[in-house]
Amino acid sequence: MPLPTDRVELSVIDSHTGGEPTRTIIGGAPELSTSNIAEQIQELKQEHDWMRTALTHEPRGYEAMVGALLLQPHNPEAVARVVYFNNVGYLGMCGHGTIGVAATLSYLGNISPGEHLLETIAGDVMFTLHEDNRVSFVNVPSYRYQTNVPVTTKNFGTVTGDIAYAGNWFYLCADHGLNISLGNLAELDKCCREIRHTLDAEGIGGENGGIIDHVELIGPPGREDAQAKNYVDCPGGEYDRSPCGTGTSAKIACLAAAGKLEPGQTWGQESITGSLFEGSYVWQGDKVLPRIMGEAFVTAETKVIIDPTDSLTFGFSQKQCLGTPESTPR
């Protein structure tokens, strides 16, 4: 991978959506030679991946950091094109990131309350900036692929779960028997890793060989306005601090398929940090279009300095890569 030989300054705005961070690049990024979004992502991977690692790895970032690069859209009706990335690769869709980008665009004065369009590699995403600073977005068509799929783990016995797609592939499990709380992170992480190991070892995946790179554990809520609480294990080996936009969408798709949630009915999904996403859906053929609402807050506006004389300037990561998120958007 080519590395810059001169100092680079990137203008970024940090936000968090229900506790999950988004770092949006608003200036200083390298010019790309193509306007095709798939080719842009390939160019970023091959020529400018140092930008991803520098921003999401230590010492500037950390394992939970998700980045968003704003680009000129092809559609004149879109407010921006966005490329999402994290500590292990490039993402097609990111629910919490979409809410964070919306909050960032609002902070910059680029948008006002109302409906807006974002371009992503997973497709166009419509979001609404509300007057109270909350953001809702319509996710990609989502569906339950299989139900009650058994998975045998080393330390947690045999569990069952649904396999669903909502912008990426999920295994959603409710009979894990674990307490979903910040005080139980080690066991939750261990359980998800064992589930993913078995899924990979036995070749259990989504439709057309889709890789299941997210594991979502479901439990009872701790707040009155939620119907469930989740712990979502992400491709980079970290847990989602928010209720996970695509994870909430996957849960809604499973509920719809089971006849347990009516179109337009609100589902409250609590995260392990206690934050809330509100979701609903409408049918689109045999799939659902989930609408997810949450709120994000801008936490910093800063200039990140990439100094090639610094031996750690392009970042280091303590965790091994788990999965291939560039082919399975988050």
C-alpha atoms as a PDB file:
ATOM      1  CA  MET A   1       0.000   0.000   0.000  1.00  0.00           C
ATOM      2  CA  PRO A   2       1.472   3.415  -0.933  1.00  0.00           C
ATOM      3  CA  LEU A   3       2.006   5.761   1.998  1.00  0.00           C
ATOM      4  CA  PRO A   4       2.145   9.568   1.939  1.00  0.00           C
ATOM      5  CA  THR A   5       5.637  10.981   2.245  1.00  0.00           C
ATOM      6  CA  ASP A   6       4.488  14.455   3.247  1.00  0.00           C
ATOM      7  CA  ARG A   7       2.433  15.600   6.202  1.00  0.00           C
ATOM      8  CA  VAL A   8      -1.333  15.302   5.709  1.00  0.00           C
ATOM      9  CA  GLU A   9      -4.014  17.187   7.646  1.00  0.00           C
ATOM     10  CA  LEU A  10      -7.511  15.716   7.751  1.00  0.00           C
ATOM     11  CA  SER A  11     -10.460  17.772   8.992  1.00  0.00           C
ATOM     12  CA  VAL A  12     -12.828  15.529  10.927  1.00  0.00           C
ATOM     13  CA  ILE A  13     -15.932  15.819  13.059  1.00  0.00           C
ATOM     14  CA  ASP A  14     -16.556  13.218  15.750  1.00  0.00           C
ATOM     15  CA  SER A  15     -20.008  12.240  16.963  1.00  0.00           C
ATOM     16  CA  HIS A  16     -21.603   9.433  18.896  1.00  0.00           C
ATOM     17  CA  THR A  17     -24.893   7.692  18.231  1.00  0.00           C
ATOM     18  CA  GLY A  18     -26.168   6.042  21.372  1.00  0.00           C
ATOM     19  CA  GLY A  19     -22.565   5.702  22.539  1.00  0.00           C
ATOM     20  CA  GLU A  20     -21.152   4.361  19.249  1.00  0.00           C
ATOM     21  CA  PRO A  21     -18.617   6.749  17.654  1.00  0.00           C
ATOM     22  CA  THR A  22     -18.528   8.045  14.075  1.00  0.00           C
ATOM     23  CA  ARG A  23     -15.548  10.008  12.739  1.00  0.00           C
ATOM     24  CA  THR A  24     -16.558  11.903   9.604  1.00  0.00           C
ATOM     25  CA  ILE A  25     -13.871  13.235   7.245  1.00  0.00           C
ATOM     26  CA  ILE A  26     -14.953  16.598   5.857  1.00  0.00           C
ATOM     27  CA  GLY A  27     -11.676  17.804   4.328  1.00  0.00           C
ATOM     28  CA  GLY A  28      -8.106  16.919   3.399  1.00  0.00           C
ATOM     29  CA  ALA A  29      -8.766  13.459   1.943  1.00  0.00           C
ATOM     30  CA  PRO A  30      -6.957  12.442  -1.257  1.00  0.00           C
ATOM     31  CA  GLU A  31      -8.662  13.100  -4.574  1.00  0.00           C
ATOM     32  CA  LEU A  32     -10.050   9.947  -6.166  1.00  0.00           C
ATOM     33  CA  SER A  33      -9.678   9.226  -9.873  1.00  0.00           C
ATOM     34  CA  THR A  34     -13.146   7.745 -10.459  1.00  0.00           C
ATOM     35  CA  SER A  35     -16.770   8.648  -9.757  1.00  0.00           C
ATOM     36  CA  ASN A  36     -17.990   5.036  -9.520  1.00  0.00           C
ATOM     37  CA  ILE A  37     -18.518   4.241  -5.848  1.00  0.00           C
ATOM     38  CA  ALA A  38     -17.398   0.605  -6.089  1.00  0.00           C
ATOM     39  CA  GLU A  39     -14.222   1.697  -7.870  1.00  0.00           C
ATOM     40  CA  GLN A  40     -13.736   4.486  -5.324  1.00  0.00           C
ATOM     41  CA  ILE A  41     -13.738   1.951  -2.505  1.00  0.00           C
ATOM     42  CA  GLN A  42     -11.236  -0.233  -4.383  1.00  0.00           C
ATOM     43  CA  GLU A  43      -9.009   2.809  -4.891  1.00  0.00           C
ATOM     44  CA  LEU A  44      -9.240   3.660  -1.193  1.00  0.00           C
ATOM     45  CA  LYS A  45      -8.301   0.074  -0.301  1.00  0.00           C
ATOM     46  CA  GLN A  46      -5.383  -0.108  -2.717  1.00  0.00           C
ATOM     47  CA  GLU A  47      -3.990   3.433  -2.630  1.00  0.00           C
ATOM     48  CA  HIS A  48      -5.154   5.212   0.532  1.00  0.00           C
ATOM     49  CA  ASP A  49      -5.852   2.589   3.185  1.00  0.00           C
ATOM     50  CA  TRP A  50      -3.455   4.438   5.484  1.00  0.00           C
ATOM     51  CA  MET A  51      -6.250   6.961   6.061  1.00  0.00           C
ATOM     52  CA  ARG A  52      -8.562   4.254   7.424  1.00  0.00           C
ATOM     53  CA  THR A  53      -5.939   2.723   9.713  1.00  0.00           C
ATOM     54  CA  ALA A  54      -4.688   6.079  10.965  1.00  0.00           C
ATOM     55  CA  LEU A  55      -8.183   7.193  11.992  1.00  0.00           C
ATOM     56  CA  THR A  56      -9.628   3.967  13.419  1.00  0.00           C
ATOM     57  CA  HIS A  57      -6.554   2.380  15.010  1.00  0.00           C
ATOM     58  CA  GLU A  58      -4.583   3.564  18.004  1.00  0.00           C
ATOM     59  CA  PRO A  59      -3.106   6.026  18.828  1.00  0.00           C
ATOM     60  CA  ARG A  60      -5.757   8.254  17.181  1.00  0.00           C
ATOM     61  CA  GLY A  61      -8.687   5.868  17.199  1.00  0.00           C
ATOM     62  CA  TYR A  62      -9.742   2.632  18.855  1.00  0.00           C
ATOM     63  CA  GLU A  63     -11.430  -0.629  17.926  1.00  0.00           C
ATOM     64  CA  ALA A  64     -15.004   0.690  18.111  1.00  0.00           C
ATOM     65  CA  MET A  65     -14.370   3.707  15.887  1.00  0.00           C
ATOM     66  CA  VAL A  66     -16.273   3.885  12.604  1.00  0.00           C
ATOM     67  CA  GLY A  67     -15.163   6.331   9.947  1.00  0.00           C
ATOM     68  CA  ALA A  68     -17.209   8.067   7.264  1.00  0.00           C
ATOM     69  CA  LEU A  69     -15.676   9.747   4.225  1.00  0.00           C
ATOM     70  CA  LEU A  70     -17.911  12.344   2.582  1.00  0.00           C
ATOM     71  CA  LEU A  71     -17.675  12.487  -1.228  1.00  0.00           C
ATOM     72  CA  GLN A  72     -19.482  14.308  -4.000  1.00  0.00           C
ATOM     73  CA  PRO A  73     -22.681  12.427  -4.890  1.00  0.00           C
ATOM     74  CA  HIS A  74     -23.536  11.306  -8.406  1.00  0.00           C
ATOM     75  CA  ASN A  75     -27.239  12.017  -7.854  1.00  0.00           C
ATOM     76  CA  PRO A  76     -27.818  15.798  -7.691  1.00  0.00           C
ATOM     77  CA  GLU A  77     -30.675  15.168  -5.246  1.00  0.00           C
ATOM     78  CA  ALA A  78     -28.328  13.523  -2.715  1.00  0.00           C
ATOM     79  CA  VAL A  79     -26.696  15.619  -0.009  1.00  0.00           C
ATOM     80  CA  ALA A  80     -23.544  13.473  -0.039  1.00  0.00           C
ATOM     81  CA  ARG A  81     -22.003  10.167  -0.923  1.00  0.00           C
ATOM     82  CA  VAL A  82     -20.525   8.369   2.078  1.00  0.00           C
ATOM     83  CA  VAL A  83     -18.010   5.565   2.378  1.00  0.00           C
ATOM     84  CA  TYR A  84     -18.008   3.873   5.789  1.00  0.00           C
ATOM     85  CA  PHE A  85     -15.009   2.051   7.235  1.00  0.00           C
ATOM     86  CA  ASN A  86     -13.799   0.577  10.511  1.00  0.00           C
ATOM     87  CA  ASN A  87     -10.746  -1.072  12.034  1.00  0.00           C
ATOM     88  CA  VAL A  88     -10.823  -4.046   9.661  1.00  0.00           C
ATOM     89  CA  GLY A  89     -12.124  -2.716   6.351  1.00  0.00           C
ATOM     90  CA  TYR A  90     -14.762  -0.878   4.350  1.00  0.00           C
ATOM     91  CA  LEU A  91     -18.480  -1.088   5.028  1.00  0.00           C
ATOM     92  CA  GLY A  92     -21.451  -0.822   2.714  1.00  0.00           C
ATOM     93  CA  MET A  93     -24.030   0.473   5.184  1.00  0.00           C
ATOM     94  CA  CYS A  94     -23.830   1.611   8.789  1.00  0.00           C
ATOM     95  CA  GLY A  95     -27.001   2.549  10.651  1.00  0.00           C
ATOM     96  CA  HIS A  96     -25.486   4.424  13.570  1.00  0.00           C
ATOM     97  CA  GLY A  97     -23.029   6.022  11.140  1.00  0.00           C
ATOM     98  CA  THR A  98     -25.879   7.335   8.999  1.00  0.00           C
ATOM     99  CA  ILE A  99     -27.390   9.005  12.056  1.00  0.00           C
ATOM    100  CA  GLY A 100     -23.954  10.387  12.984  1.00  0.00           C
ATOM    101  CA  VAL A 101     -23.354  11.730   9.468  1.00  0.00           C
ATOM    102  CA  ALA A 102     -26.781  13.402   9.533  1.00  0.00           C
ATOM    103  CA  ALA A 103     -25.931  15.091  12.839  1.00  0.00           C
ATOM    104  CA  THR A 104     -22.591  16.192  11.379  1.00  0.00           C
ATOM    105  CA  LEU A 105     -24.186  17.664   8.243  1.00  0.00           C
ATOM    106  CA  SER A 106     -26.661  19.501  10.482  1.00  0.00           C
ATOM    107  CA  TYR A 107     -23.830  20.818  12.673  1.00  0.00           C
ATOM    108  CA  LEU A 108     -22.080  22.129   9.548  1.00  0.00           C
ATOM    109  CA  GLY A 109     -25.270  23.878   8.448  1.00  0.00           C
ATOM    110  CA  ASN A 110     -25.438  21.809   5.254  1.00  0.00           C
ATOM    111  CA  ILE A 111     -28.926  20.468   5.919  1.00  0.00           C
ATOM    112  CA  SER A 112     -32.054  21.566   7.753  1.00  0.00           C
ATOM    113  CA  PRO A 113     -34.848  19.447   9.228  1.00  0.00           C
ATOM    114  CA  GLY A 114     -36.532  17.336   6.576  1.00  0.00           C
ATOM    115  CA  GLU A 115     -35.832  14.408   4.260  1.00  0.00           C
ATOM    116  CA  HIS A 116     -32.431  13.919   2.656  1.00  0.00           C
ATOM    117  CA  LEU A 117     -30.716  11.329   0.471  1.00  0.00           C
ATOM    118  CA  LEU A 118     -27.330   9.680   1.026  1.00  0.00           C
ATOM    119  CA  GLU A 119     -25.490   7.530  -1.507  1.00  0.00           C
ATOM    120  CA  THR A 120     -23.785   4.374  -0.189  1.00  0.00           C
ATOM    121  CA  ILE A 121     -22.419   1.282  -1.887  1.00  0.00           C
ATOM    122  CA  ALA A 122     -25.373  -0.656  -0.424  1.00  0.00           C
ATOM    123  CA  GLY A 123     -27.769   1.697  -2.204  1.00  0.00           C
ATOM    124  CA  ASP A 124     -29.413   5.063  -1.676  1.00  0.00           C
ATOM    125  CA  VAL A 125     -30.480   5.725   1.903  1.00  0.00           C
ATOM    126  CA  MET A 126     -33.208   8.228   2.761  1.00  0.00           C
ATOM    127  CA  PHE A 127     -32.954   9.878   6.181  1.00  0.00           C
ATOM    128  CA  THR A 128     -34.983  12.497   8.006  1.00  0.00           C
ATOM    129  CA  LEU A 129     -33.510  15.122  10.290  1.00  0.00           C
ATOM    130  CA  HIS A 130     -36.174  15.914  12.876  1.00  0.00           C
ATOM    131  CA  GLU A 131     -36.700  19.188  14.719  1.00  0.00           C
ATOM    132  CA  ASP A 132     -35.590  17.663  18.028  1.00  0.00           C
ATOM    133  CA  ASN A 133     -32.192  16.674  16.543  1.00  0.00           C
ATOM    134  CA  ARG A 134     -33.201  13.044  16.233  1.00  0.00           C
ATOM    135  CA  VAL A 135     -32.616  11.259  12.956  1.00  0.00           C
ATOM    136  CA  SER A 136     -34.554   8.474  11.295  1.00  0.00           C
ATOM    137  CA  PHE A 137     -33.495   6.553   8.210  1.00  0.00           C
ATOM    138  CA  VAL A 138     -34.986   3.911   5.959  1.00  0.00           C
ATOM    139  CA  ASN A 139     -32.650   0.941   5.754  1.00  0.00           C
ATOM    140  CA  VAL A 140     -32.144  -1.368   2.794  1.00  0.00           C
ATOM    141  CA  PRO A 141     -34.712  -4.152   2.175  1.00  0.00           C
ATOM    142  CA  SER A 142     -34.306  -6.684   4.985  1.00  0.00           C
ATOM    143  CA  TYR A 143     -35.504 -10.221   5.545  1.00  0.00           C
ATOM    144  CA  ARG A 144     -35.278 -13.341   7.690  1.00  0.00           C
ATOM    145  CA  TYR A 145     -33.498 -16.072   5.766  1.00  0.00           C
ATOM    146  CA  GLN A 146     -33.680 -18.987   8.220  1.00  0.00           C
ATOM    147  CA  THR A 147     -35.153 -19.519  11.666  1.00  0.00           C
ATOM    148  CA  ASN A 148     -34.243 -21.653  14.705  1.00  0.00           C
ATOM    149  CA  VAL A 149     -30.807 -22.568  13.352  1.00  0.00           C
ATOM    150  CA  PRO A 150     -28.915 -24.613  15.985  1.00  0.00           C
ATOM    151  CA  VAL A 151     -25.277 -23.821  16.761  1.00  0.00           C
ATOM    152  CA  THR A 152     -23.190 -25.852  19.202  1.00  0.00           C
ATOM    153  CA  THR A 153     -20.597 -23.920  21.202  1.00  0.00           C
ATOM    154  CA  LYS A 154     -17.769 -25.146  23.395  1.00  0.00           C
ATOM    155  CA  ASN A 155     -18.756 -23.426  26.634  1.00  0.00           C
ATOM    156  CA  PHE A 156     -22.375 -22.359  26.163  1.00  0.00           C
ATOM    157  CA  GLY A 157     -23.938 -25.518  24.788  1.00  0.00           C
ATOM    158  CA  THR A 158     -26.266 -25.548  21.813  1.00  0.00           C
ATOM    159  CA  VAL A 159     -28.089 -22.308  21.071  1.00  0.00           C
ATOM    160  CA  THR A 160     -30.595 -21.470  18.346  1.00  0.00           C
ATOM    161  CA  GLY A 161     -31.004 -18.339  16.319  1.00  0.00           C
ATOM    162  CA  ASP A 162     -32.392 -16.699  13.211  1.00  0.00           C
ATOM    163  CA  ILE A 163     -30.292 -15.713  10.213  1.00  0.00           C
ATOM    164  CA  ALA A 164     -31.331 -12.368   8.748  1.00  0.00           C
ATOM    165  CA  TYR A 165     -30.086  -9.763   6.308  1.00  0.00           C
ATOM    166  CA  ALA A 166     -30.428  -6.018   6.934  1.00  0.00           C
ATOM    167  CA  GLY A 167     -27.454  -4.530   5.110  1.00  0.00           C
ATOM    168  CA  ASN A 168     -25.218  -7.310   6.427  1.00  0.00           C
ATOM    169  CA  TRP A 169     -25.780 -10.839   7.723  1.00  0.00           C
ATOM    170  CA  PHE A 170     -26.787 -11.493  11.332  1.00  0.00           C
ATOM    171  CA  TYR A 171     -27.200 -14.505  13.567  1.00  0.00           C
ATOM    172  CA  LEU A 172     -29.748 -13.442  16.213  1.00  0.00           C
ATOM    173  CA  CYS A 173     -29.904 -15.531  19.367  1.00  0.00           C
ATOM    174  CA  ALA A 174     -32.192 -15.211  22.406  1.00  0.00           C
ATOM    175  CA  ASP A 175     -31.585 -18.515  24.279  1.00  0.00           C
ATOM    176  CA  HIS A 176     -27.950 -17.857  25.232  1.00  0.00           C
ATOM    177  CA  GLY A 177     -28.775 -17.575  28.943  1.00  0.00           C
ATOM    178  CA  LEU A 178     -26.471 -14.613  29.580  1.00  0.00           C
ATOM    179  CA  ASN A 179     -27.124 -11.327  31.323  1.00  0.00           C
ATOM    180  CA  ILE A 180     -26.760  -8.502  28.807  1.00  0.00           C
ATOM    181  CA  SER A 181     -24.951  -5.830  30.801  1.00  0.00           C
ATOM    182  CA  LEU A 182     -21.695  -3.879  30.772  1.00  0.00           C
ATOM    183  CA  GLY A 183     -20.578  -5.942  33.745  1.00  0.00           C
ATOM    184  CA  ASN A 184     -20.747  -9.132  31.687  1.00  0.00           C
ATOM    185  CA  LEU A 185     -18.810  -8.102  28.574  1.00  0.00           C
ATOM    186  CA  ALA A 186     -16.222 -10.878  28.774  1.00  0.00           C
ATOM    187  CA  GLU A 187     -18.815 -13.675  28.722  1.00  0.00           C
ATOM    188  CA  LEU A 188     -20.895 -11.992  26.028  1.00  0.00           C
ATOM    189  CA  ASP A 189     -17.831 -11.560  23.844  1.00  0.00           C
ATOM    190  CA  LYS A 190     -16.774 -15.174  24.430  1.00  0.00           C
ATOM    191  CA  CYS A 191     -20.207 -16.494  23.523  1.00  0.00           C
ATOM    192  CA  CYS A 192     -20.343 -14.489  20.288  1.00  0.00           C
ATOM    193  CA  ARG A 193     -16.866 -15.599  19.270  1.00  0.00           C
ATOM    194  CA  GLU A 194     -17.776 -19.249  19.828  1.00  0.00           C
ATOM    195  CA  ILE A 195     -20.990 -18.845  17.832  1.00  0.00           C
ATOM    196  CA  ARG A 196     -19.122 -17.211  14.965  1.00  0.00           C
ATOM    197  CA  HIS A 197     -16.417 -19.885  15.077  1.00  0.00           C
ATOM    198  CA  THR A 198     -19.046 -22.617  14.701  1.00  0.00           C
ATOM    199  CA  LEU A 199     -20.851 -20.741  11.930  1.00  0.00           C
ATOM    200  CA  ASP A 200     -17.590 -20.460   9.996  1.00  0.00           C
ATOM    201  CA  ALA A 201     -16.428 -24.010  10.732  1.00  0.00           C
ATOM    202  CA  GLU A 202     -19.732 -25.579   9.648  1.00  0.00           C
ATOM    203  CA  GLY A 203     -20.230 -23.302   6.666  1.00  0.00           C
ATOM    204  CA  ILE A 204     -23.450 -21.798   7.990  1.00  0.00           C
ATOM    205  CA  GLY A 205     -24.130 -18.562   6.170  1.00  0.00           C
ATOM    206  CA  GLY A 206     -26.644 -16.321   4.528  1.00  0.00           C
ATOM    207  CA  GLU A 207     -28.205 -16.578   1.125  1.00  0.00           C
ATOM    208  CA  ASN A 208     -25.811 -17.123  -1.798  1.00  0.00           C
ATOM    209  CA  GLY A 209     -22.920 -17.758   0.563  1.00  0.00           C
ATOM    210  CA  GLY A 210     -23.297 -14.517   2.501  1.00  0.00           C
ATOM    211  CA  ILE A 211     -20.870 -14.404   5.433  1.00  0.00           C
ATOM    212  CA  ILE A 212     -22.491 -13.942   8.838  1.00  0.00           C
ATOM    213  CA  ASP A 213     -20.141 -11.386  10.379  1.00  0.00           C
ATOM    214  CA  HIS A 214     -22.458 -10.041  13.095  1.00  0.00           C
ATOM    215  CA  VAL A 215     -23.799 -11.976  16.080  1.00  0.00           C
ATOM    216  CA  GLU A 216     -26.660 -10.385  18.009  1.00  0.00           C
ATOM    217  CA  LEU A 217     -27.637 -11.608  21.462  1.00  0.00           C
ATOM    218  CA  ILE A 218     -31.143 -10.602  22.575  1.00  0.00           C
ATOM    219  CA  GLY A 219     -32.391 -10.236  26.145  1.00  0.00           C
ATOM    220  CA  PRO A 220     -35.021  -8.472  28.263  1.00  0.00           C
ATOM    221  CA  PRO A 221     -34.918  -4.646  28.343  1.00  0.00           C
ATOM    222  CA  GLY A 222     -33.951  -2.467  31.259  1.00  0.00           C
ATOM    223  CA  ARG A 223     -36.020   0.558  30.239  1.00  0.00           C
ATOM    224  CA  GLU A 224     -39.787   0.869  29.975  1.00  0.00           C
ATOM    225  CA  ASP A 225     -39.846   2.187  26.396  1.00  0.00           C
ATOM    226  CA  ALA A 226     -37.935  -0.810  24.991  1.00  0.00           C
ATOM    227  CA  GLN A 227     -39.112  -4.294  24.117  1.00  0.00           C
ATOM    228  CA  ALA A 228     -35.659  -5.900  24.097  1.00  0.00           C
ATOM    229  CA  LYS A 229     -31.990  -5.289  24.826  1.00  0.00           C
ATOM    230  CA  ASN A 230     -29.150  -6.437  22.613  1.00  0.00           C
ATOM    231  CA  TYR A 231     -25.436  -7.079  22.489  1.00  0.00           C
ATOM    232  CA  VAL A 232     -24.064  -6.920  18.943  1.00  0.00           C
ATOM    233  CA  ASP A 233     -20.661  -8.388  18.123  1.00  0.00           C
ATOM    234  CA  CYS A 234     -19.182  -6.565  15.113  1.00  0.00           C
ATOM    235  CA  PRO A 235     -16.695  -7.754  12.448  1.00  0.00           C
ATOM    236  CA  GLY A 236     -13.723  -6.005  14.030  1.00  0.00           C
ATOM    237  CA  GLY A 237     -14.115  -7.878  17.316  1.00  0.00           C
ATOM    238  CA  GLU A 238     -15.770  -5.014  19.216  1.00  0.00           C
ATOM    239  CA  TYR A 239     -19.336  -4.672  20.466  1.00  0.00           C
ATOM    240  CA  ASP A 240     -21.732  -2.003  19.249  1.00  0.00           C
ATOM    241  CA  ARG A 241     -22.332   0.618  21.914  1.00  0.00           C
ATOM    242  CA  SER A 242     -25.581   1.614  20.213  1.00  0.00           C
ATOM    243  CA  PRO A 243     -28.527  -0.740  19.566  1.00  0.00           C
ATOM    244  CA  CYS A 244     -27.039  -1.136  16.043  1.00  0.00           C
ATOM    245  CA  GLY A 245     -29.084   0.231  13.161  1.00  0.00           C
ATOM    246  CA  THR A 246     -28.706  -2.824  10.951  1.00  0.00           C
ATOM    247  CA  GLY A 247     -29.032  -5.112  13.981  1.00  0.00           C
ATOM    248  CA  THR A 248     -32.317  -3.491  14.958  1.00  0.00           C
ATOM    249  CA  SER A 249     -33.431  -3.814  11.333  1.00  0.00           C
ATOM    250  CA  ALA A 250     -32.549  -7.514  11.346  1.00  0.00           C
ATOM    251  CA  LYS A 251     -34.546  -8.015  14.539  1.00  0.00           C
ATOM    252  CA  ILE A 252     -37.537  -6.231  13.021  1.00  0.00           C
ATOM    253  CA  ALA A 253     -37.301  -8.428   9.914  1.00  0.00           C
ATOM    254  CA  CYS A 254     -37.428 -11.532  12.104  1.00  0.00           C
ATOM    255  CA  LEU A 255     -40.368 -10.211  14.112  1.00  0.00           C
ATOM    256  CA  ALA A 256     -42.254  -9.352  10.925  1.00  0.00           C
ATOM    257  CA  ALA A 257     -41.617 -12.802   9.452  1.00  0.00           C
ATOM    258  CA  ALA A 258     -42.882 -14.412  12.670  1.00  0.00           C
ATOM    259  CA  GLY A 259     -46.030 -12.261  12.718  1.00  0.00           C
ATOM    260  CA  LYS A 260     -44.996 -10.689  16.022  1.00  0.00           C
ATOM    261  CA  LEU A 261     -44.771  -7.064  14.844  1.00  0.00           C
ATOM    262  CA  GLU A 262     -47.315  -5.337  12.620  1.00  0.00           C
ATOM    263  CA  PRO A 263     -46.372  -2.820   9.904  1.00  0.00           C
ATOM    264  CA  GLY A 264     -46.065   0.645  11.425  1.00  0.00           C
ATOM    265  CA  GLN A 265     -45.863  -0.699  14.979  1.00  0.00           C
ATOM    266  CA  THR A 266     -42.882   0.656  16.959  1.00  0.00           C
ATOM    267  CA  TRP A 267     -40.205  -1.637  18.349  1.00  0.00           C
ATOM    268  CA  GLY A 268     -37.910  -0.195  21.026  1.00  0.00           C
ATOM    269  CA  GLN A 269     -34.403  -1.692  20.955  1.00  0.00           C
ATOM    270  CA  GLU A 270     -32.141  -0.936  23.901  1.00  0.00           C
ATOM    271  CA  SER A 271     -28.359  -1.187  23.636  1.00  0.00           C
ATOM    272  CA  ILE A 272     -25.972  -2.569  26.199  1.00  0.00           C
ATOM    273  CA  THR A 273     -25.153   1.038  27.162  1.00  0.00           C
ATOM    274  CA  GLY A 274     -28.839   1.826  27.759  1.00  0.00           C
ATOM    275  CA  SER A 275     -29.389   3.933  24.628  1.00  0.00           C
ATOM    276  CA  LEU A 276     -32.472   3.430  22.457  1.00  0.00           C
ATOM    277  CA  PHE A 277     -33.387   3.006  18.798  1.00  0.00           C
ATOM    278  CA  GLU A 278     -37.025   3.027  17.753  1.00  0.00           C
ATOM    279  CA  GLY A 279     -37.864   0.937  14.706  1.00  0.00           C
ATOM    280  CA  SER A 280     -40.839   0.172  12.508  1.00  0.00           C
ATOM    281  CA  TYR A 281     -41.343  -1.214   9.016  1.00  0.00           C
ATOM    282  CA  VAL A 282     -43.458  -1.513   5.909  1.00  0.00           C
ATOM    283  CA  TRP A 283     -43.567  -4.498   3.576  1.00  0.00           C
ATOM    284  CA  GLN A 284     -41.825  -4.344   0.197  1.00  0.00           C
ATOM    285  CA  GLY A 285     -42.820  -7.567  -1.502  1.00  0.00           C
ATOM    286  CA  ASP A 286     -41.547 -10.402   0.692  1.00  0.00           C
ATOM    287  CA  LYS A 287     -39.034  -8.153   2.454  1.00  0.00           C
ATOM    288  CA  VAL A 288     -39.394  -5.284   4.905  1.00  0.00           C
ATOM    289  CA  LEU A 289     -38.187  -1.713   4.748  1.00  0.00           C
ATOM    290  CA  PRO A 290     -37.161  -0.853   8.319  1.00  0.00           C
ATOM    291  CA  ARG A 291     -37.203   2.724   9.545  1.00  0.00           C
ATOM    292  CA  ILE A 292     -34.844   3.336  12.471  1.00  0.00           C
ATOM    293  CA  MET A 293     -34.779   6.416  14.683  1.00  0.00           C
ATOM    294  CA  GLY A 294     -32.052   7.483  17.090  1.00  0.00           C
ATOM    295  CA  GLU A 295     -30.077  10.528  18.090  1.00  0.00           C
ATOM    296  CA  ALA A 296     -26.467  11.564  17.707  1.00  0.00           C
ATOM    297  CA  PHE A 297     -24.385  14.302  19.252  1.00  0.00           C
ATOM    298  CA  VAL A 298     -21.292  16.007  17.851  1.00  0.00           C
ATOM    299  CA  THR A 299     -18.416  15.591  20.290  1.00  0.00           C
ATOM    300  CA  ALA A 300     -15.439  17.223  18.548  1.00  0.00           C
ATOM    301  CA  GLU A 301     -14.302  19.169  15.508  1.00  0.00           C
ATOM    302  CA  THR A 302     -10.620  18.744  14.939  1.00  0.00           C
ATOM    303  CA  LYS A 303      -7.712  18.467  12.524  1.00  0.00           C
ATOM    304  CA  VAL A 304      -5.922  15.126  12.504  1.00  0.00           C
ATOM    305  CA  ILE A 305      -2.240  15.350  11.615  1.00  0.00           C
ATOM    306  CA  ILE A 306      -0.682  12.455   9.707  1.00  0.00           C
ATOM    307  CA  ASP A 307       3.078  12.858  10.086  1.00  0.00           C
ATOM    308  CA  PRO A 308       5.042  10.196   8.142  1.00  0.00           C
ATOM    309  CA  THR A 309       8.083  10.696  10.385  1.00  0.00           C
ATOM    310  CA  ASP A 310       6.022   9.254  13.252  1.00  0.00           C
ATOM    311  CA  SER A 311       6.538   5.468  13.218  1.00  0.00           C
ATOM    312  CA  LEU A 312       3.017   4.909  14.591  1.00  0.00           C
ATOM    313  CA  THR A 313       1.263   7.519  12.467  1.00  0.00           C
ATOM    314  CA  PHE A 314      -0.610   4.939  10.387  1.00  0.00           C
ATOM    315  CA  GLY A 315      -1.957   3.175  13.466  1.00  0.00           C
ATOM    316  CA  PHE A 316      -1.704  -0.159  15.209  1.00  0.00           C
ATOM    317  CA  SER A 317      -4.411  -2.616  16.226  1.00  0.00           C
ATOM    318  CA  GLN A 318      -4.417  -5.013  19.165  1.00  0.00           C
ATOM    319  CA  LYS A 319      -7.042  -7.336  17.716  1.00  0.00           C
ATOM    320  CA  GLN A 320      -6.870  -9.719  14.801  1.00  0.00           C
ATOM    321  CA  CYS A 321      -9.236  -9.174  11.896  1.00  0.00           C
ATOM    322  CA  LEU A 322     -12.455 -11.190  12.169  1.00  0.00           C
ATOM    323  CA  GLY A 323     -14.331 -11.571   8.887  1.00  0.00           C
ATOM    324  CA  THR A 324     -14.357  -9.547   5.675  1.00  0.00           C
ATOM    325  CA  PRO A 325     -16.572  -6.502   6.168  1.00  0.00           C
ATOM    326  CA  GLU A 326     -15.665  -5.055   2.795  1.00  0.00           C
ATOM    327  CA  SER A 327     -17.919  -7.710   1.252  1.00  0.00           C
ATOM    328  CA  THR A 328     -20.581  -7.665   3.957  1.00  0.00           C
ATOM    329  CA  PRO A 329     -21.668  -4.139   4.936  1.00  0.00           C
ATOM    330  CA  ARG A 330     -22.354  -3.378   8.523  1.00  0.00           C
END
